[in-house]
Amino acid sequence: LVVATLFWGSASSFYSGGDDVVTLTPANFDSKVGSDDALWIVEFYAPWCGHCKSLTPEWKKAASALKGIVKLGAVDADEHGSFAGRFGIQGFPTIKIFGGDKSKPTDYKAARTAQAIVSEGMKQATALAQDRLAGKSSGGKGGSSSGGGSKKGKQEDVIELTDSIFNKEVLDSKDMWLVEFYAPWCGHCKKLVPEWASAATTLKGKVKLGAVDATQFGDLAQRYGVRGYPTIKYFPAGAKLDAEDYSGGRTADDIVAFAEAKLEQFAEPPEIKELLNDAVFQEECAAKSICVLAILPDILDTGAAGRNEYLATLQEMGDKYKKRKFGWVWSFAGEQA
C-alpha cells in the first residue's frame, strides 16, 4: 500500500518538443516504435507521480547521451490509461524495453539514473546487434496487429450464449458485455478463439465476454444485424437499450484496451470519506495499491465555504482518476495527531 499525500495544483506533461525524449501516444506509438528497427526504451509515467518527477531530468540526460544509438520515449499513462493497460502497466514510473520483437517488450530493471539508463541502453543495443550478426530473427515488429504477445487465456472464461439464456445473462444484467457472433467453419473466427479467451481471462470480474454460434441461433444473430463472421457487439453496463458495434482490433490487447476504455468512460466516481478512525482507513485504503490522503486546512481557518471548495476539488480529482481504483480519504491538520 502506498499512501500518497495530495498536492493541490495542476500537473502538466514532463516532456516537450525541445527534448530528445520522444512523446508517444496511442496515435503515433505503432508508427514510431512498432515499425522501427531501432531499440526503444519507453517510460510510462503519471504527472502526479513523485518518482516520475524525479526521473524526468535523468531521462532527458540519458536521451541526449543515447541520441542516434537508442531512442527514449515517454507515455503519459494517466492521460492514455487504456493504452498503457495494453502493456500491463500498474505502477509509475514503469520502463519497458522494445528490442527486436516489438510485440514482446521486457522490463527495465536497472537504476533510474542517467548513467544506469545509458549503460543499460548500450548493453541492450549491443545484444541486439549481436543477435542480428548471428542471424537470429528479430521476431515481429508489430503493434496492435500482432497477437504474439497475448497471454494464454482460459476458454471457460468465455460464456457460451444461447437463445434461452441470452436475455437473462446479457440484457438483464448490470455487467458490461462483449459478445462474439461466430460460425464454426469461419477461419477468422478460429483465429480469434485464443485472443477472445485471453481477453476474457484478463477482464474477468470487470467485463464479461460471450460467444454465440450464429449458425445454431440464427434468429439471435439476425436480431443484432449480424451479416458476417466474426461480428462483435458491445453491450454497456447497466440498462441495455441496444447493442453497439465493436470498433477495436482482434488481438487480446486490442479487446482489453477497448473494454477498459469503456469502463473508464462509464465508471462511477469514488466516494471521498473523512478519515475518522482506523476502520475507515482499513475499509478505504488497506486493499488498494495507492491511497490518496488529503490534509485540508482547519475549518476555522477556511470557513465552511472553503472546506466545501477543497472537497469539491478532491471529488473532481477522484472522478478524473476513477479508473485507477485508488482509495480516497481526507482529514485536517492536527486531527490525527
C-alpha atoms as a PDB file:
ATOM      1  CA  LEU A   1       0.000   0.000   0.000  1.00  0.00           C
ATOM      2  CA  VAL A   2       1.271   3.431  -0.981  1.00  0.00           C
ATOM      3  CA  VAL A   3      -0.229   6.415   0.815  1.00  0.00           C
ATOM      4  CA  ALA A   4       0.136   9.489  -1.363  1.00  0.00           C
ATOM      5  CA  THR A   5      -0.148  12.941   0.128  1.00  0.00           C
ATOM      6  CA  LEU A   6      -2.179  15.148  -2.172  1.00  0.00           C
ATOM      7  CA  PHE A   7      -0.646  18.341  -3.503  1.00  0.00           C
ATOM      8  CA  TRP A   8      -3.149  20.880  -4.765  1.00  0.00           C
ATOM      9  CA  GLY A   9      -2.314  22.180  -8.198  1.00  0.00           C
ATOM     10  CA  SER A  10      -2.302  21.164 -11.839  1.00  0.00           C
ATOM     11  CA  ALA A  11       0.148  18.771 -13.445  1.00  0.00           C
ATOM     12  CA  SER A  12       1.479  19.067 -16.960  1.00  0.00           C
ATOM     13  CA  SER A  13       3.442  16.852 -19.302  1.00  0.00           C
ATOM     14  CA  PHE A  14       7.097  16.391 -18.312  1.00  0.00           C
ATOM     15  CA  TYR A  15       8.473  16.497 -21.842  1.00  0.00           C
ATOM     16  CA  SER A  16       8.318  18.944 -24.727  1.00  0.00           C
ATOM     17  CA  GLY A  17       9.263  19.100 -28.391  1.00  0.00           C
ATOM     18  CA  GLY A  18      12.655  20.532 -27.480  1.00  0.00           C
ATOM     19  CA  ASP A  19      13.683  17.387 -25.579  1.00  0.00           C
ATOM     20  CA  ASP A  20      15.447  14.358 -27.043  1.00  0.00           C
ATOM     21  CA  VAL A  21      12.737  12.295 -25.337  1.00  0.00           C
ATOM     22  CA  VAL A  22      10.045  11.367 -27.861  1.00  0.00           C
ATOM     23  CA  THR A  23       6.496  11.953 -26.629  1.00  0.00           C
ATOM     24  CA  LEU A  24       4.448   8.872 -27.504  1.00  0.00           C
ATOM     25  CA  THR A  25       0.671   8.497 -27.732  1.00  0.00           C
ATOM     26  CA  PRO A  26      -1.709   5.781 -28.965  1.00  0.00           C
ATOM     27  CA  ALA A  27      -1.847   7.654 -32.286  1.00  0.00           C
ATOM     28  CA  ASN A  28       1.898   7.526 -33.005  1.00  0.00           C
ATOM     29  CA  PHE A  29       3.209   4.606 -30.952  1.00  0.00           C
ATOM     30  CA  ASP A  30       2.957   1.878 -33.573  1.00  0.00           C
ATOM     31  CA  SER A  31       4.402   4.037 -36.349  1.00  0.00           C
ATOM     32  CA  LYS A  32       7.309   5.338 -34.252  1.00  0.00           C
ATOM     33  CA  VAL A  33       8.106   2.319 -32.082  1.00  0.00           C
ATOM     34  CA  GLY A  34       6.365  -0.728 -33.528  1.00  0.00           C
ATOM     35  CA  SER A  35       7.559  -0.147 -37.090  1.00  0.00           C
ATOM     36  CA  ASP A  36      11.070   0.987 -36.184  1.00  0.00           C
ATOM     37  CA  ASP A  37      14.139  -1.260 -36.326  1.00  0.00           C
ATOM     38  CA  ALA A  38      15.802   0.817 -33.616  1.00  0.00           C
ATOM     39  CA  LEU A  39      15.917  -0.133 -29.950  1.00  0.00           C
ATOM     40  CA  TRP A  40      13.472   1.861 -27.848  1.00  0.00           C
ATOM     41  CA  ILE A  41      13.273   2.349 -24.089  1.00  0.00           C
ATOM     42  CA  VAL A  42       9.919   3.793 -23.070  1.00  0.00           C
ATOM     43  CA  GLU A  43       8.852   5.322 -19.767  1.00  0.00           C
ATOM     44  CA  PHE A  44       5.186   5.144 -18.745  1.00  0.00           C
ATOM     45  CA  TYR A  45       4.535   7.931 -16.230  1.00  0.00           C
ATOM     46  CA  ALA A  46       1.819   9.894 -14.436  1.00  0.00           C
ATOM     47  CA  PRO A  47       2.147  13.690 -13.972  1.00  0.00           C
ATOM     48  CA  TRP A  48       1.198  13.454 -10.283  1.00  0.00           C
ATOM     49  CA  CYS A  49       3.800  10.756  -9.505  1.00  0.00           C
ATOM     50  CA  GLY A  50       6.699  11.995  -7.373  1.00  0.00           C
ATOM     51  CA  HIS A  51       9.096   9.263  -8.556  1.00  0.00           C
ATOM     52  CA  CYS A  52       8.257  10.168 -12.150  1.00  0.00           C
ATOM     53  CA  LYS A  53       9.136  13.814 -11.481  1.00  0.00           C
ATOM     54  CA  SER A  54      12.478  12.735 -10.021  1.00  0.00           C
ATOM     55  CA  LEU A  55      13.179  10.568 -13.061  1.00  0.00           C
ATOM     56  CA  THR A  56      12.458  13.314 -15.620  1.00  0.00           C
ATOM     57  CA  PRO A  57      15.856  15.107 -15.620  1.00  0.00           C
ATOM     58  CA  GLU A  58      17.696  11.754 -15.639  1.00  0.00           C
ATOM     59  CA  TRP A  59      15.574  10.526 -18.524  1.00  0.00           C
ATOM     60  CA  LYS A  60      16.318  13.690 -20.532  1.00  0.00           C
ATOM     61  CA  LYS A  61      20.074  13.373 -19.899  1.00  0.00           C
ATOM     62  CA  ALA A  62      20.044   9.728 -20.951  1.00  0.00           C
ATOM     63  CA  ALA A  63      18.035  10.518 -24.100  1.00  0.00           C
ATOM     64  CA  SER A  64      20.603  13.136 -25.136  1.00  0.00           C
ATOM     65  CA  ALA A  65      23.528  10.807 -24.425  1.00  0.00           C
ATOM     66  CA  LEU A  66      21.962   7.924 -26.375  1.00  0.00           C
ATOM     67  CA  LYS A  67      20.786  10.065 -29.301  1.00  0.00           C
ATOM     68  CA  GLY A  68      21.452   8.244 -32.572  1.00  0.00           C
ATOM     69  CA  ILE A  69      22.071   4.964 -30.724  1.00  0.00           C
ATOM     70  CA  VAL A  70      18.964   4.157 -28.678  1.00  0.00           C
ATOM     71  CA  LYS A  71      15.673   6.024 -28.709  1.00  0.00           C
ATOM     72  CA  LEU A  72      13.977   7.057 -25.464  1.00  0.00           C
ATOM     73  CA  GLY A  73      10.263   7.743 -25.354  1.00  0.00           C
ATOM     74  CA  ALA A  74       7.645   8.656 -22.765  1.00  0.00           C
ATOM     75  CA  VAL A  75       3.936   7.903 -22.498  1.00  0.00           C
ATOM     76  CA  ASP A  76       1.608   9.851 -20.207  1.00  0.00           C
ATOM     77  CA  ALA A  77      -0.126   6.759 -18.840  1.00  0.00           C
ATOM     78  CA  ASP A  78      -2.530   8.884 -16.853  1.00  0.00           C
ATOM     79  CA  GLU A  79      -3.903  10.508 -19.987  1.00  0.00           C
ATOM     80  CA  HIS A  80      -3.706   7.287 -22.007  1.00  0.00           C
ATOM     81  CA  GLY A  81      -4.645   4.749 -19.343  1.00  0.00           C
ATOM     82  CA  SER A  82      -6.252   2.192 -21.637  1.00  0.00           C
ATOM     83  CA  PHE A  83      -3.247   2.233 -23.936  1.00  0.00           C
ATOM     84  CA  ALA A  84      -0.887   1.716 -21.002  1.00  0.00           C
ATOM     85  CA  GLY A  85      -3.037  -1.252 -19.981  1.00  0.00           C
ATOM     86  CA  ARG A  86      -2.035  -2.894 -23.254  1.00  0.00           C
ATOM     87  CA  PHE A  87       1.440  -3.329 -21.743  1.00  0.00           C
ATOM     88  CA  GLY A  88       0.257  -4.285 -18.257  1.00  0.00           C
ATOM     89  CA  ILE A  89       1.282  -1.000 -16.650  1.00  0.00           C
ATOM     90  CA  GLN A  90       0.173  -0.983 -12.999  1.00  0.00           C
ATOM     91  CA  GLY A  91       2.532   1.493 -11.331  1.00  0.00           C
ATOM     92  CA  PHE A  92       4.586   4.563 -12.134  1.00  0.00           C
ATOM     93  CA  PRO A  93       7.098   5.009 -13.483  1.00  0.00           C
ATOM     94  CA  THR A  94       7.292   1.753 -15.425  1.00  0.00           C
ATOM     95  CA  ILE A  95      10.005   1.427 -18.058  1.00  0.00           C
ATOM     96  CA  LYS A  96       9.797  -1.042 -20.944  1.00  0.00           C
ATOM     97  CA  ILE A  97      12.491  -2.038 -23.441  1.00  0.00           C
ATOM     98  CA  PHE A  98      11.314  -2.624 -27.025  1.00  0.00           C
ATOM     99  CA  GLY A  99      14.031  -4.583 -28.790  1.00  0.00           C
ATOM    100  CA  GLY A 100      13.976  -6.767 -31.893  1.00  0.00           C
ATOM    101  CA  ASP A 101      10.494  -8.136 -31.267  1.00  0.00           C
ATOM    102  CA  LYS A 102       8.380  -5.072 -30.556  1.00  0.00           C
ATOM    103  CA  SER A 103       5.385  -7.237 -29.602  1.00  0.00           C
ATOM    104  CA  LYS A 104       7.282  -8.600 -26.573  1.00  0.00           C
ATOM    105  CA  PRO A 105       8.805  -5.722 -24.580  1.00  0.00           C
ATOM    106  CA  THR A 106      10.872  -6.531 -21.497  1.00  0.00           C
ATOM    107  CA  ASP A 107      11.015  -4.754 -18.150  1.00  0.00           C
ATOM    108  CA  TYR A 108      13.825  -2.325 -17.411  1.00  0.00           C
ATOM    109  CA  LYS A 109      15.301  -3.362 -14.048  1.00  0.00           C
ATOM    110  CA  ALA A 110      18.350  -1.136 -13.623  1.00  0.00           C
ATOM    111  CA  ALA A 111      18.649   2.041 -11.546  1.00  0.00           C
ATOM    112  CA  ARG A 112      16.849   5.253 -12.505  1.00  0.00           C
ATOM    113  CA  THR A 113      19.910   7.422 -13.016  1.00  0.00           C
ATOM    114  CA  ALA A 114      21.107   8.766 -16.359  1.00  0.00           C
ATOM    115  CA  GLN A 115      24.301   6.702 -16.056  1.00  0.00           C
ATOM    116  CA  ALA A 116      22.423   3.469 -15.393  1.00  0.00           C
ATOM    117  CA  ILE A 117      19.933   4.119 -18.189  1.00  0.00           C
ATOM    118  CA  VAL A 118      22.740   4.808 -20.670  1.00  0.00           C
ATOM    119  CA  SER A 119      24.623   1.684 -19.569  1.00  0.00           C
ATOM    120  CA  GLU A 120      21.531  -0.483 -19.929  1.00  0.00           C
ATOM    121  CA  GLY A 121      20.726   1.086 -23.295  1.00  0.00           C
ATOM    122  CA  MET A 122      24.216   0.321 -24.617  1.00  0.00           C
ATOM    123  CA  LYS A 123      24.011  -3.217 -23.229  1.00  0.00           C
ATOM    124  CA  GLN A 124      20.670  -3.837 -24.942  1.00  0.00           C
ATOM    125  CA  ALA A 125      21.834  -2.270 -28.215  1.00  0.00           C
ATOM    126  CA  THR A 126      24.952  -4.458 -28.238  1.00  0.00           C
ATOM    127  CA  ALA A 127      22.873  -7.580 -27.575  1.00  0.00           C
ATOM    128  CA  LEU A 128      20.508  -6.674 -30.416  1.00  0.00           C
ATOM    129  CA  ALA A 129      23.434  -6.155 -32.810  1.00  0.00           C
ATOM    130  CA  GLN A 130      24.986  -9.485 -31.795  1.00  0.00           C
ATOM    131  CA  ASP A 131      21.683 -11.267 -32.405  1.00  0.00           C
ATOM    132  CA  ARG A 132      21.493  -9.772 -35.878  1.00  0.00           C
ATOM    133  CA  LEU A 133      25.114 -10.694 -36.582  1.00  0.00           C
ATOM    134  CA  ALA A 134      24.340 -14.276 -35.589  1.00  0.00           C
ATOM    135  CA  GLY A 135      21.385 -14.298 -37.959  1.00  0.00           C
ATOM    136  CA  LYS A 136      18.763 -14.547 -35.253  1.00  0.00           C
ATOM    137  CA  SER A 137      15.324 -13.342 -36.234  1.00  0.00           C
ATOM    138  CA  SER A 138      14.141 -10.141 -34.631  1.00  0.00           C
ATOM    139  CA  GLY A 139      10.623 -11.512 -34.448  1.00  0.00           C
ATOM    140  CA  GLY A 140       7.576  -9.394 -35.172  1.00  0.00           C
ATOM    141  CA  LYS A 141       7.806  -5.643 -35.041  1.00  0.00           C
ATOM    142  CA  GLY A 142       4.101  -5.376 -34.689  1.00  0.00           C
ATOM    143  CA  GLY A 143       1.888  -3.070 -32.792  1.00  0.00           C
ATOM    144  CA  SER A 144      -1.715  -3.874 -32.173  1.00  0.00           C
ATOM    145  CA  SER A 145      -1.808  -6.178 -35.195  1.00  0.00           C
ATOM    146  CA  SER A 146       0.475  -8.725 -33.570  1.00  0.00           C
ATOM    147  CA  GLY A 147      -1.058 -11.400 -31.407  1.00  0.00           C
ATOM    148  CA  GLY A 148       2.259 -12.970 -30.439  1.00  0.00           C
ATOM    149  CA  GLY A 149       2.376 -11.344 -27.045  1.00  0.00           C
ATOM    150  CA  SER A 150      -1.096 -12.334 -25.897  1.00  0.00           C
ATOM    151  CA  LYS A 151      -1.388 -14.096 -22.568  1.00  0.00           C
ATOM    152  CA  LYS A 152      -2.871 -17.572 -22.634  1.00  0.00           C
ATOM    153  CA  GLY A 153      -6.475 -17.439 -21.529  1.00  0.00           C
ATOM    154  CA  LYS A 154      -8.976 -19.947 -20.188  1.00  0.00           C
ATOM    155  CA  GLN A 155     -11.688 -20.956 -22.630  1.00  0.00           C
ATOM    156  CA  GLU A 156     -14.102 -21.445 -19.738  1.00  0.00           C
ATOM    157  CA  ASP A 157     -13.934 -17.687 -19.084  1.00  0.00           C
ATOM    158  CA  VAL A 158     -15.813 -17.186 -22.362  1.00  0.00           C
ATOM    159  CA  ILE A 159     -19.535 -17.669 -21.721  1.00  0.00           C
ATOM    160  CA  GLU A 160     -21.361 -19.653 -24.395  1.00  0.00           C
ATOM    161  CA  LEU A 161     -24.679 -17.937 -25.025  1.00  0.00           C
ATOM    162  CA  THR A 162     -27.877 -19.381 -26.474  1.00  0.00           C
ATOM    163  CA  ASP A 163     -31.373 -18.143 -27.299  1.00  0.00           C
ATOM    164  CA  SER A 164     -32.700 -19.403 -23.987  1.00  0.00           C
ATOM    165  CA  ILE A 165     -30.224 -17.612 -21.711  1.00  0.00           C
ATOM    166  CA  PHE A 166     -29.226 -14.528 -23.722  1.00  0.00           C
ATOM    167  CA  ASN A 167     -31.783 -12.134 -22.249  1.00  0.00           C
ATOM    168  CA  LYS A 168     -31.156 -13.213 -18.657  1.00  0.00           C
ATOM    169  CA  GLU A 169     -27.354 -13.341 -18.886  1.00  0.00           C
ATOM    170  CA  VAL A 170     -26.761 -10.262 -21.017  1.00  0.00           C
ATOM    171  CA  LEU A 171     -29.733  -7.915 -21.298  1.00  0.00           C
ATOM    172  CA  ASP A 172     -31.000  -8.262 -17.730  1.00  0.00           C
ATOM    173  CA  SER A 173     -27.566  -7.992 -16.128  1.00  0.00           C
ATOM    174  CA  LYS A 174     -25.827  -4.853 -14.926  1.00  0.00           C
ATOM    175  CA  ASP A 175     -22.496  -6.058 -16.324  1.00  0.00           C
ATOM    176  CA  MET A 176     -20.727  -4.829 -19.415  1.00  0.00           C
ATOM    177  CA  TRP A 177     -20.620  -7.465 -22.160  1.00  0.00           C
ATOM    178  CA  LEU A 178     -18.704  -8.071 -25.368  1.00  0.00           C
ATOM    179  CA  VAL A 179     -20.401 -10.748 -27.453  1.00  0.00           C
ATOM    180  CA  GLU A 180     -18.885 -12.502 -30.460  1.00  0.00           C
ATOM    181  CA  PHE A 181     -21.206 -13.976 -33.087  1.00  0.00           C
ATOM    182  CA  TYR A 182     -19.300 -16.689 -34.917  1.00  0.00           C
ATOM    183  CA  ALA A 183     -19.617 -19.621 -37.322  1.00  0.00           C
ATOM    184  CA  PRO A 184     -17.687 -22.855 -36.605  1.00  0.00           C
ATOM    185  CA  TRP A 185     -16.425 -23.055 -40.202  1.00  0.00           C
ATOM    186  CA  CYS A 186     -15.149 -19.448 -40.257  1.00  0.00           C
ATOM    187  CA  GLY A 187     -11.335 -19.153 -40.456  1.00  0.00           C
ATOM    188  CA  HIS A 188     -11.231 -15.674 -38.932  1.00  0.00           C
ATOM    189  CA  CYS A 189     -13.402 -16.931 -36.061  1.00  0.00           C
ATOM    190  CA  LYS A 190     -10.974 -19.787 -35.378  1.00  0.00           C
ATOM    191  CA  LYS A 191      -8.098 -17.315 -35.322  1.00  0.00           C
ATOM    192  CA  LEU A 192      -9.989 -15.160 -32.828  1.00  0.00           C
ATOM    193  CA  VAL A 193     -10.614 -18.015 -30.348  1.00  0.00           C
ATOM    194  CA  PRO A 194      -7.326 -17.767 -28.337  1.00  0.00           C
ATOM    195  CA  GLU A 195      -7.403 -13.956 -28.388  1.00  0.00           C
ATOM    196  CA  TRP A 196     -11.014 -13.902 -27.160  1.00  0.00           C
ATOM    197  CA  ALA A 197     -10.184 -16.362 -24.362  1.00  0.00           C
ATOM    198  CA  SER A 198      -7.105 -14.370 -23.341  1.00  0.00           C
ATOM    199  CA  ALA A 199      -9.121 -11.154 -23.171  1.00  0.00           C
ATOM    200  CA  ALA A 200     -11.896 -12.908 -21.219  1.00  0.00           C
ATOM    201  CA  THR A 201      -9.400 -14.111 -18.619  1.00  0.00           C
ATOM    202  CA  THR A 202      -7.722 -10.701 -18.335  1.00  0.00           C
ATOM    203  CA  LEU A 203     -11.062  -8.916 -17.972  1.00  0.00           C
ATOM    204  CA  LYS A 204     -12.638 -11.462 -15.621  1.00  0.00           C
ATOM    205  CA  GLY A 205     -14.503  -9.723 -12.824  1.00  0.00           C
ATOM    206  CA  LYS A 206     -14.741  -6.462 -14.787  1.00  0.00           C
ATOM    207  CA  VAL A 207     -16.252  -7.239 -18.208  1.00  0.00           C
ATOM    208  CA  LYS A 208     -17.943 -10.409 -19.431  1.00  0.00           C
ATOM    209  CA  LEU A 209     -17.121 -11.927 -22.812  1.00  0.00           C
ATOM    210  CA  GLY A 210     -19.588 -14.203 -24.511  1.00  0.00           C
ATOM    211  CA  ALA A 211     -19.903 -16.148 -27.754  1.00  0.00           C
ATOM    212  CA  VAL A 212     -22.926 -17.063 -29.869  1.00  0.00           C
ATOM    213  CA  ASP A 213     -22.861 -19.749 -32.547  1.00  0.00           C
ATOM    214  CA  ALA A 214     -24.757 -17.808 -35.185  1.00  0.00           C
ATOM    215  CA  THR A 215     -25.310 -20.926 -37.307  1.00  0.00           C
ATOM    216  CA  GLN A 216     -27.329 -22.503 -34.472  1.00  0.00           C
ATOM    217  CA  PHE A 217     -29.020 -19.353 -33.220  1.00  0.00           C
ATOM    218  CA  GLY A 218     -29.735 -17.525 -36.437  1.00  0.00           C
ATOM    219  CA  ASP A 219     -32.689 -15.574 -35.060  1.00  0.00           C
ATOM    220  CA  LEU A 220     -30.499 -14.138 -32.307  1.00  0.00           C
ATOM    221  CA  ALA A 221     -27.833 -13.170 -34.818  1.00  0.00           C
ATOM    222  CA  GLN A 222     -30.409 -11.612 -37.111  1.00  0.00           C
ATOM    223  CA  ARG A 223     -31.819  -9.633 -34.194  1.00  0.00           C
ATOM    224  CA  TYR A 224     -28.487  -7.815 -33.955  1.00  0.00           C
ATOM    225  CA  GLY A 225     -27.925  -7.422 -37.670  1.00  0.00           C
ATOM    226  CA  VAL A 226     -25.126  -9.969 -37.968  1.00  0.00           C
ATOM    227  CA  ARG A 227     -24.162 -10.408 -41.625  1.00  0.00           C
ATOM    228  CA  GLY A 228     -20.590 -11.669 -41.411  1.00  0.00           C
ATOM    229  CA  TYR A 229     -18.306 -13.573 -39.070  1.00  0.00           C
ATOM    230  CA  PRO A 230     -16.973 -12.870 -36.602  1.00  0.00           C
ATOM    231  CA  THR A 231     -19.171  -9.939 -35.572  1.00  0.00           C
ATOM    232  CA  ILE A 232     -18.609  -8.458 -32.126  1.00  0.00           C
ATOM    233  CA  LYS A 233     -21.223  -6.412 -30.271  1.00  0.00           C
ATOM    234  CA  TYR A 234     -20.748  -4.220 -27.226  1.00  0.00           C
ATOM    235  CA  PHE A 235     -23.450  -4.114 -24.524  1.00  0.00           C
ATOM    236  CA  PRO A 236     -22.847  -1.355 -21.936  1.00  0.00           C
ATOM    237  CA  ALA A 237     -23.095  -1.807 -18.183  1.00  0.00           C
ATOM    238  CA  GLY A 238     -26.499  -1.031 -16.698  1.00  0.00           C
ATOM    239  CA  ALA A 239     -29.596  -0.657 -18.866  1.00  0.00           C
ATOM    240  CA  LYS A 240     -29.078  -2.147 -22.318  1.00  0.00           C
ATOM    241  CA  LEU A 241     -31.322  -0.384 -24.792  1.00  0.00           C
ATOM    242  CA  ASP A 242     -29.343  -1.612 -27.775  1.00  0.00           C
ATOM    243  CA  ALA A 243     -26.011  -3.088 -28.757  1.00  0.00           C
ATOM    244  CA  GLU A 244     -23.186  -1.144 -30.369  1.00  0.00           C
ATOM    245  CA  ASP A 245     -20.712  -2.358 -32.961  1.00  0.00           C
ATOM    246  CA  TYR A 246     -17.282  -3.191 -31.569  1.00  0.00           C
ATOM    247  CA  SER A 247     -14.734  -0.924 -33.247  1.00  0.00           C
ATOM    248  CA  GLY A 248     -11.397  -2.292 -31.989  1.00  0.00           C
ATOM    249  CA  GLY A 249      -8.848  -4.773 -33.289  1.00  0.00           C
ATOM    250  CA  ARG A 250      -8.921  -8.537 -32.883  1.00  0.00           C
ATOM    251  CA  THR A 251      -5.955  -9.194 -30.625  1.00  0.00           C
ATOM    252  CA  ALA A 252      -6.415  -9.765 -26.900  1.00  0.00           C
ATOM    253  CA  ASP A 253      -4.621  -6.482 -26.208  1.00  0.00           C
ATOM    254  CA  ASP A 254      -6.969  -4.595 -28.528  1.00  0.00           C
ATOM    255  CA  ILE A 255     -10.051  -6.155 -26.966  1.00  0.00           C
ATOM    256  CA  VAL A 256      -8.860  -5.416 -23.425  1.00  0.00           C
ATOM    257  CA  ALA A 257      -7.960  -1.831 -24.366  1.00  0.00           C
ATOM    258  CA  PHE A 258     -11.434  -1.275 -25.859  1.00  0.00           C
ATOM    259  CA  ALA A 259     -13.169  -2.687 -22.779  1.00  0.00           C
ATOM    260  CA  GLU A 260     -11.043  -0.714 -20.320  1.00  0.00           C
ATOM    261  CA  ALA A 261     -11.675   2.485 -22.242  1.00  0.00           C
ATOM    262  CA  LYS A 262     -15.421   1.874 -21.887  1.00  0.00           C
ATOM    263  CA  LEU A 263     -15.010   1.088 -18.187  1.00  0.00           C
ATOM    264  CA  GLU A 264     -13.144   4.346 -17.700  1.00  0.00           C
ATOM    265  CA  GLN A 265     -15.797   6.270 -19.596  1.00  0.00           C
ATOM    266  CA  PHE A 266     -18.693   4.976 -17.506  1.00  0.00           C
ATOM    267  CA  ALA A 267     -17.047   4.160 -14.159  1.00  0.00           C
ATOM    268  CA  GLU A 268     -18.670   5.538 -11.030  1.00  0.00           C
ATOM    269  CA  PRO A 269     -16.589   8.184  -9.215  1.00  0.00           C
ATOM    270  CA  PRO A 270     -15.264   7.128  -5.788  1.00  0.00           C
ATOM    271  CA  GLU A 271     -16.791   8.284  -2.520  1.00  0.00           C
ATOM    272  CA  ILE A 272     -14.383  10.614  -0.704  1.00  0.00           C
ATOM    273  CA  LYS A 273     -14.564   9.773   3.008  1.00  0.00           C
ATOM    274  CA  GLU A 274     -13.287  11.617   6.050  1.00  0.00           C
ATOM    275  CA  LEU A 275     -10.585   9.667   7.894  1.00  0.00           C
ATOM    276  CA  LEU A 276     -12.335   9.488  11.248  1.00  0.00           C
ATOM    277  CA  ASN A 277     -10.692   6.314  12.577  1.00  0.00           C
ATOM    278  CA  ASP A 278      -8.713   3.218  11.662  1.00  0.00           C
ATOM    279  CA  ALA A 279     -11.852   1.422  10.479  1.00  0.00           C
ATOM    280  CA  VAL A 280     -12.277   3.982   7.699  1.00  0.00           C
ATOM    281  CA  PHE A 281      -8.633   3.582   6.735  1.00  0.00           C
ATOM    282  CA  GLN A 282      -8.940  -0.204   6.591  1.00  0.00           C
ATOM    283  CA  GLU A 283     -12.107  -0.013   4.507  1.00  0.00           C
ATOM    284  CA  GLU A 284     -10.934   2.615   2.033  1.00  0.00           C
ATOM    285  CA  CYS A 285      -7.173   2.060   1.832  1.00  0.00           C
ATOM    286  CA  ALA A 286      -5.973  -1.318   3.101  1.00  0.00           C
ATOM    287  CA  ALA A 287      -6.828  -3.261  -0.055  1.00  0.00           C
ATOM    288  CA  LYS A 288      -5.806  -0.508  -2.504  1.00  0.00           C
ATOM    289  CA  SER A 289      -2.388  -0.250  -4.135  1.00  0.00           C
ATOM    290  CA  ILE A 290      -2.468   3.532  -3.696  1.00  0.00           C
ATOM    291  CA  CYS A 291      -4.454   5.591  -1.189  1.00  0.00           C
ATOM    292  CA  VAL A 292      -4.664   9.362  -1.553  1.00  0.00           C
ATOM    293  CA  LEU A 293      -4.766  11.186   1.786  1.00  0.00           C
ATOM    294  CA  ALA A 294      -5.713  14.847   1.522  1.00  0.00           C
ATOM    295  CA  ILE A 295      -4.776  17.018   4.506  1.00  0.00           C
ATOM    296  CA  LEU A 296      -7.055  20.051   4.498  1.00  0.00           C
ATOM    297  CA  PRO A 297      -6.774  23.270   6.489  1.00  0.00           C
ATOM    298  CA  ASP A 298      -8.859  23.508   9.659  1.00  0.00           C
ATOM    299  CA  ILE A 299     -12.411  24.648   9.000  1.00  0.00           C
ATOM    300  CA  LEU A 300     -11.832  27.507  11.459  1.00  0.00           C
ATOM    301  CA  ASP A 301      -9.249  28.853   9.029  1.00  0.00           C
ATOM    302  CA  THR A 302     -11.196  28.426   5.800  1.00  0.00           C
ATOM    303  CA  GLY A 303     -14.826  28.524   6.874  1.00  0.00           C
ATOM    304  CA  ALA A 304     -17.475  26.114   5.597  1.00  0.00           C
ATOM    305  CA  ALA A 305     -17.306  27.534   2.076  1.00  0.00           C
ATOM    306  CA  GLY A 306     -13.544  26.991   1.911  1.00  0.00           C
ATOM    307  CA  ARG A 307     -13.845  23.432   3.227  1.00  0.00           C
ATOM    308  CA  ASN A 308     -16.526  22.635   0.640  1.00  0.00           C
ATOM    309  CA  GLU A 309     -14.365  24.067  -2.124  1.00  0.00           C
ATOM    310  CA  TYR A 310     -11.479  21.776  -1.151  1.00  0.00           C
ATOM    311  CA  LEU A 311     -13.804  18.772  -1.022  1.00  0.00           C
ATOM    312  CA  ALA A 312     -15.266  19.637  -4.438  1.00  0.00           C
ATOM    313  CA  THR A 313     -11.763  19.774  -5.896  1.00  0.00           C
ATOM    314  CA  LEU A 314     -10.941  16.448  -4.276  1.00  0.00           C
ATOM    315  CA  GLN A 315     -14.087  14.913  -5.742  1.00  0.00           C
ATOM    316  CA  GLU A 316     -13.152  16.203  -9.198  1.00  0.00           C
ATOM    317  CA  MET A 317      -9.773  14.522  -8.889  1.00  0.00           C
ATOM    318  CA  GLY A 318     -11.402  11.298  -7.726  1.00  0.00           C
ATOM    319  CA  ASP A 319     -13.652  11.402 -10.786  1.00  0.00           C
ATOM    320  CA  LYS A 320     -10.689  12.089 -13.092  1.00  0.00           C
ATOM    321  CA  TYR A 321      -8.711   9.138 -11.756  1.00  0.00           C
ATOM    322  CA  LYS A 322     -11.675   6.846 -11.086  1.00  0.00           C
ATOM    323  CA  LYS A 323     -10.377   4.071 -13.308  1.00  0.00           C
ATOM    324  CA  ARG A 324      -7.284   3.744 -11.116  1.00  0.00           C
ATOM    325  CA  LYS A 325      -9.381   2.441  -8.210  1.00  0.00           C
ATOM    326  CA  PHE A 326      -7.395   4.469  -5.672  1.00  0.00           C
ATOM    327  CA  GLY A 327      -8.517   4.865  -2.095  1.00  0.00           C
ATOM    328  CA  TRP A 328      -9.543   8.461  -1.253  1.00  0.00           C
ATOM    329  CA  VAL A 329      -9.726   9.878   2.279  1.00  0.00           C
ATOM    330  CA  TRP A 330      -9.333  13.288   3.843  1.00  0.00           C
ATOM    331  CA  SER A 331      -8.589  14.796   7.212  1.00  0.00           C
ATOM    332  CA  PHE A 332      -7.417  18.148   8.524  1.00  0.00           C
ATOM    333  CA  ALA A 333      -4.249  19.340  10.167  1.00  0.00           C
ATOM    334  CA  GLY A 334      -3.817  18.083  13.714  1.00  0.00           C
ATOM    335  CA  GLU A 335      -6.880  15.814  13.684  1.00  0.00           C
ATOM    336  CA  GLN A 336      -4.923  12.531  13.530  1.00  0.00           C
ATOM    337  CA  ALA A 337      -2.113  13.588  15.886  1.00  0.00           C
END
